[in-house]
Protein backbone atom coordinates (compact mmCIF):
# COMPACT_ATOMS: atom_id res chain seq x y z
CA UNK A 1 40.79 66.19 129.28
CA UNK A 2 36.99 65.98 129.50
CA UNK A 3 35.31 69.18 128.50
CA UNK A 4 32.88 70.66 131.02
CA UNK A 5 29.52 71.18 129.31
CA UNK A 6 27.48 71.65 132.47
CA UNK A 7 27.12 75.33 131.79
CA UNK A 8 27.35 75.25 127.99
CA UNK A 9 24.64 76.70 125.81
CA UNK A 10 24.67 76.98 122.00
CA UNK A 11 28.12 75.55 121.45
CA UNK A 12 30.81 77.54 123.22
CA UNK A 13 28.56 80.26 124.66
CA UNK A 14 28.76 80.32 128.47
CA UNK A 15 26.34 81.47 131.11
CA UNK A 16 27.01 82.21 134.76
CA UNK A 17 25.08 79.88 137.06
CA UNK A 18 25.55 79.67 140.84
CA UNK A 19 27.01 76.32 141.87
CA UNK A 20 24.64 73.65 143.11
CA UNK A 21 25.39 72.95 146.76
CA UNK A 22 25.71 69.40 148.09
CA UNK A 23 22.70 70.04 150.30
CA UNK A 24 20.64 70.95 147.25
CA UNK A 25 22.13 68.10 145.23
CA UNK A 26 21.03 65.34 147.62
CA UNK A 27 17.46 66.58 148.16
CA UNK A 28 15.90 64.60 145.28
CA UNK A 29 17.77 61.51 146.46
CA UNK A 30 16.37 61.90 149.98
CA UNK A 31 12.85 62.40 148.59
CA UNK A 32 13.27 59.24 146.51
CA UNK A 33 14.50 57.12 149.44
CA UNK A 34 11.74 58.26 151.79
CA UNK A 35 9.15 57.99 149.04
CA UNK A 36 10.20 54.43 148.18
CA UNK A 37 9.67 53.37 151.78
CA UNK A 38 6.31 55.15 152.02
CA UNK A 39 4.93 53.87 148.71
CA UNK A 40 6.27 50.37 149.42
CA UNK A 41 4.46 50.30 152.76
CA UNK A 42 1.31 51.66 151.10
CA UNK A 43 1.30 48.97 148.40
CA UNK A 44 1.93 46.25 150.98
CA UNK A 45 -0.92 47.53 153.17
CA UNK A 46 -3.24 47.82 150.18
CA UNK A 47 -2.46 44.23 149.15
CA UNK A 48 -3.22 42.97 152.64
CA UNK A 49 -6.51 44.89 152.75
CA UNK A 50 -7.61 43.61 149.34
CA UNK A 51 -6.23 40.05 149.36
CA UNK A 52 -5.71 39.43 153.05
CA UNK A 53 -1.99 38.91 152.38
CA UNK A 54 0.73 40.03 150.01
CA UNK A 55 0.27 37.82 146.92
CA UNK A 56 3.20 35.45 146.41
CA UNK A 57 5.75 36.58 143.87
CA UNK A 58 4.66 40.23 143.77
CA UNK A 59 7.18 41.76 146.18
CA UNK A 60 9.80 42.48 143.52
CA UNK A 61 7.44 44.23 141.12
CA UNK A 62 5.76 46.12 143.97
CA UNK A 63 9.21 47.41 144.90
CA UNK A 64 9.81 48.58 141.33
CA UNK A 65 6.46 50.38 141.24
CA UNK A 66 7.11 51.96 144.63
CA UNK A 67 10.50 53.20 143.44
CA UNK A 68 8.85 54.54 140.30
CA UNK A 69 6.26 56.50 142.26
CA UNK A 70 8.94 57.86 144.58
CA UNK A 71 11.08 58.82 141.60
CA UNK A 72 8.16 60.65 140.06
CA UNK A 73 7.76 62.58 143.32
CA UNK A 74 11.45 63.52 143.38
CA UNK A 75 11.29 64.55 139.72
CA UNK A 76 8.24 66.69 140.43
CA UNK A 77 10.27 68.50 143.11
CA UNK A 78 13.02 69.11 140.54
CA UNK A 79 10.55 70.53 138.01
CA UNK A 80 9.14 72.82 140.70
CA UNK A 81 12.67 74.10 141.37
CA UNK A 82 13.21 74.70 137.66
CA UNK A 83 9.93 76.57 137.54
CA UNK A 84 10.93 78.68 140.54
CA UNK A 85 14.53 79.42 139.55
CA UNK A 86 14.20 79.58 135.78
CA UNK A 87 15.87 78.04 132.73
CA UNK A 88 19.41 78.54 134.05
CA UNK A 89 18.69 76.16 136.92
CA UNK A 90 17.33 73.63 134.43
CA UNK A 91 20.46 73.90 132.30
CA UNK A 92 22.67 73.39 135.33
CA UNK A 93 20.96 70.12 136.27
CA UNK A 94 20.96 68.90 132.67
CA UNK A 95 17.30 69.46 131.82
CA UNK A 96 18.19 71.00 128.47
CA UNK A 97 19.32 70.01 125.01
CA UNK A 98 22.99 69.24 124.45
CA UNK A 99 25.25 71.78 122.73
CA UNK A 100 26.84 68.89 120.81
CA UNK A 101 25.70 67.69 117.40
CA UNK A 102 23.54 64.58 117.12
CA UNK A 103 26.34 62.80 115.32
CA UNK A 104 28.84 63.48 118.07
CA UNK A 105 26.34 62.51 120.77
CA UNK A 106 25.64 59.22 118.98
CA UNK A 107 29.36 58.51 118.57
CA UNK A 108 30.08 59.22 122.24
CA UNK A 109 27.16 57.10 123.42
CA UNK A 110 28.18 54.23 121.15
CA UNK A 111 31.81 54.34 122.30
CA UNK A 112 30.90 54.50 125.99
CA UNK A 113 28.27 51.77 125.62
CA UNK A 114 30.67 49.38 123.89
CA UNK A 115 33.41 50.05 126.46
CA UNK A 116 30.97 49.49 129.32
CA UNK A 117 29.71 46.23 127.78
CA UNK A 118 33.27 44.99 127.35
CA UNK A 119 34.12 45.77 130.97
CA UNK A 120 30.89 44.09 132.10
CA UNK A 121 31.80 41.00 130.08
CA UNK A 122 35.29 40.86 131.55
CA UNK A 123 33.92 41.20 135.08
CA UNK A 124 31.22 38.59 134.52
CA UNK A 125 33.72 36.17 132.99
CA UNK A 126 36.14 36.69 135.86
CA UNK A 127 33.49 36.10 138.53
CA UNK A 128 32.20 33.00 136.71
CA UNK A 129 35.75 31.65 136.37
CA UNK A 130 36.62 32.27 140.03
CA UNK A 131 33.38 31.19 141.69
CA UNK A 132 31.44 29.29 139.04
CA UNK A 133 28.59 31.75 139.64
CA UNK A 134 27.04 33.88 136.93
CA UNK A 135 25.43 37.03 138.43
CA UNK A 136 23.38 37.71 135.30
CA UNK A 137 21.85 34.23 135.24
CA UNK A 138 21.09 34.52 138.94
CA UNK A 139 19.36 37.82 138.28
CA UNK A 140 17.12 36.13 135.70
CA UNK A 141 16.09 33.46 138.22
CA UNK A 142 15.32 36.03 140.90
CA UNK A 143 13.40 38.27 138.50
CA UNK A 144 11.22 35.40 137.31
CA UNK A 145 10.61 34.22 140.87
CA UNK A 146 9.32 37.66 141.89
CA UNK A 147 7.49 38.58 138.70
CA UNK A 148 4.01 37.79 139.97
CA UNK A 149 1.02 38.18 137.63
CA UNK A 150 1.20 39.22 133.98
CA UNK A 151 -0.24 42.61 134.93
CA UNK A 152 2.40 43.20 137.60
CA UNK A 153 5.12 42.04 135.22
CA UNK A 154 3.85 44.35 132.47
CA UNK A 155 3.72 47.36 134.77
CA UNK A 156 7.15 46.54 136.15
CA UNK A 157 8.67 46.26 132.66
CA UNK A 158 7.18 49.59 131.54
CA UNK A 159 8.55 51.22 134.68
CA UNK A 160 11.96 49.56 134.25
CA UNK A 161 12.46 50.55 130.61
CA UNK A 162 10.72 53.92 130.28
CA UNK A 163 10.11 55.51 133.68
CA UNK A 164 12.90 54.54 136.06
CA UNK A 165 15.73 55.67 133.71
CA UNK A 166 14.24 59.18 133.58
CA UNK A 167 13.97 59.71 137.32
CA UNK A 168 17.26 57.95 138.12
CA UNK A 169 19.11 60.24 135.72
CA UNK A 170 17.38 63.31 137.14
CA UNK A 171 18.26 62.27 140.70
CA UNK A 172 21.75 60.81 140.30
CA UNK A 173 23.23 62.54 137.25
CA UNK A 174 21.15 65.70 137.23
CA UNK A 175 21.36 66.81 140.85
CA UNK A 176 23.72 64.56 142.79
CA UNK A 177 26.49 64.33 140.20
CA UNK A 178 26.28 68.02 139.34
CA UNK A 179 26.79 69.04 142.96
CA UNK A 180 29.61 66.50 143.47
CA UNK A 181 31.47 67.53 140.29
CA UNK A 182 31.22 71.21 141.17
CA UNK A 183 32.52 70.45 144.65
CA UNK A 184 35.22 67.82 144.02
CA UNK A 185 35.99 67.87 140.28
CA UNK A 186 35.03 65.70 137.32
CA UNK A 187 36.41 62.23 138.03
CA UNK A 188 35.82 62.23 141.81
CA UNK A 189 32.30 63.63 141.34
CA UNK A 190 31.28 61.29 138.54
CA UNK A 191 32.81 58.27 140.30
CA UNK A 192 31.24 59.05 143.67
CA UNK A 193 27.81 59.55 142.09
CA UNK A 194 28.20 56.21 140.29
CA UNK A 195 29.23 54.48 143.52
CA UNK A 196 26.22 55.86 145.42
CA UNK A 197 24.03 54.80 142.47
CA UNK A 198 25.35 51.23 142.75
CA UNK A 199 24.99 51.08 146.54
CA UNK A 200 21.39 52.28 146.53
CA UNK A 201 20.26 49.39 144.38
CA UNK A 202 20.80 47.34 147.56
CA UNK A 203 22.37 44.34 145.83
CA UNK A 204 25.95 43.66 146.92
CA UNK A 205 26.56 41.17 144.09
CA UNK A 206 25.85 43.86 141.50
CA UNK A 207 27.82 46.77 142.95
CA UNK A 208 30.58 46.54 140.32
CA UNK A 209 28.27 46.17 137.26
CA UNK A 210 26.03 48.98 138.51
CA UNK A 211 29.05 51.17 139.22
CA UNK A 212 30.23 50.68 135.63
CA UNK A 213 26.76 51.58 134.39
CA UNK A 214 26.61 54.67 136.59
CA UNK A 215 30.06 55.71 135.43
CA UNK A 216 29.08 55.42 131.76
CA UNK A 217 25.84 57.37 132.26
CA UNK A 218 27.70 59.99 134.29
CA UNK A 219 30.40 60.53 131.68
CA UNK A 220 27.81 60.90 128.92
CA UNK A 221 25.84 63.40 131.01
CA UNK A 222 28.97 65.39 131.80
CA UNK A 223 30.45 65.50 128.31
CA UNK A 224 27.13 66.14 126.56
CA UNK A 225 25.97 68.73 129.10
CA UNK A 226 22.46 67.24 129.07
CA UNK A 227 20.54 64.44 130.74
CA UNK A 228 18.80 63.33 127.56
CA UNK A 229 21.67 61.28 126.05
CA UNK A 230 22.20 59.57 129.44
CA UNK A 231 18.46 58.88 129.72
CA UNK A 232 18.44 57.36 126.23
CA UNK A 233 21.46 55.18 127.01
CA UNK A 234 19.88 54.12 130.31
CA UNK A 235 16.65 53.14 128.54
CA UNK A 236 18.60 51.18 125.94
CA UNK A 237 20.53 49.32 128.64
CA UNK A 238 17.35 48.41 130.54
CA UNK A 239 15.60 47.32 127.34
CA UNK A 240 18.51 45.05 126.38
CA UNK A 241 18.63 43.61 129.90
CA UNK A 242 14.88 42.90 129.69
CA UNK A 243 15.21 41.18 126.32
CA UNK A 244 18.09 39.08 127.65
CA UNK A 245 16.03 38.18 130.70
CA UNK A 246 13.20 36.78 128.59
CA UNK A 247 15.60 35.21 126.13
CA UNK A 248 17.49 33.38 128.86
CA UNK A 249 14.22 32.31 130.49
CA UNK A 250 12.86 30.95 127.22
CA UNK A 251 9.72 33.09 127.55
């Protein structure tokens, strides 16, 4: 049985926090989706005004930057809510330290990370065996094709490794997952949040890998009672994926 640490403070001490409604839980997600569209359109318009057209190969990185700006906006809304409602609200959405020891957090993250990597490897091997198509290698090709200039690539990598994991965890595991778990229970809530996380990356070929990632981040957030371990694991995953991308490209 997975222990519920959503409302845990200082070990086993408990505090009474009103449940986060589904309406409240999806608000940051809605802000992020709308913001991504608005910032994406703004960057595209700015490029056309400056260069007369959208520079070839910059669409992918512009999308990452737009998502980062939108995520920052959604996170700002969350911080405003924490400011308005107090520390208890912050603890409920995971913006707090974990009641678990550092050693236990590290052990849990390591176990979940290894299990997730094994499942990813099995899935990748199965797809390659059935179709002769390697989704990870295809991702490298697409990423390099849309990288654009060195500046755009650098900004995109910083956003991918350090910025996007923070806002994605705040949006998906902090608010959305919390409201779903409180409404439907642990496994349905964590799984549904992971599924929505995978769908909203808008890449059908990566739904299963992204679902596994979302599930691992969600379990760590739930068991640890804090977003920080999930954010750290998310950053580690994105950093490894980035290193593999450049390693496979020979850059």
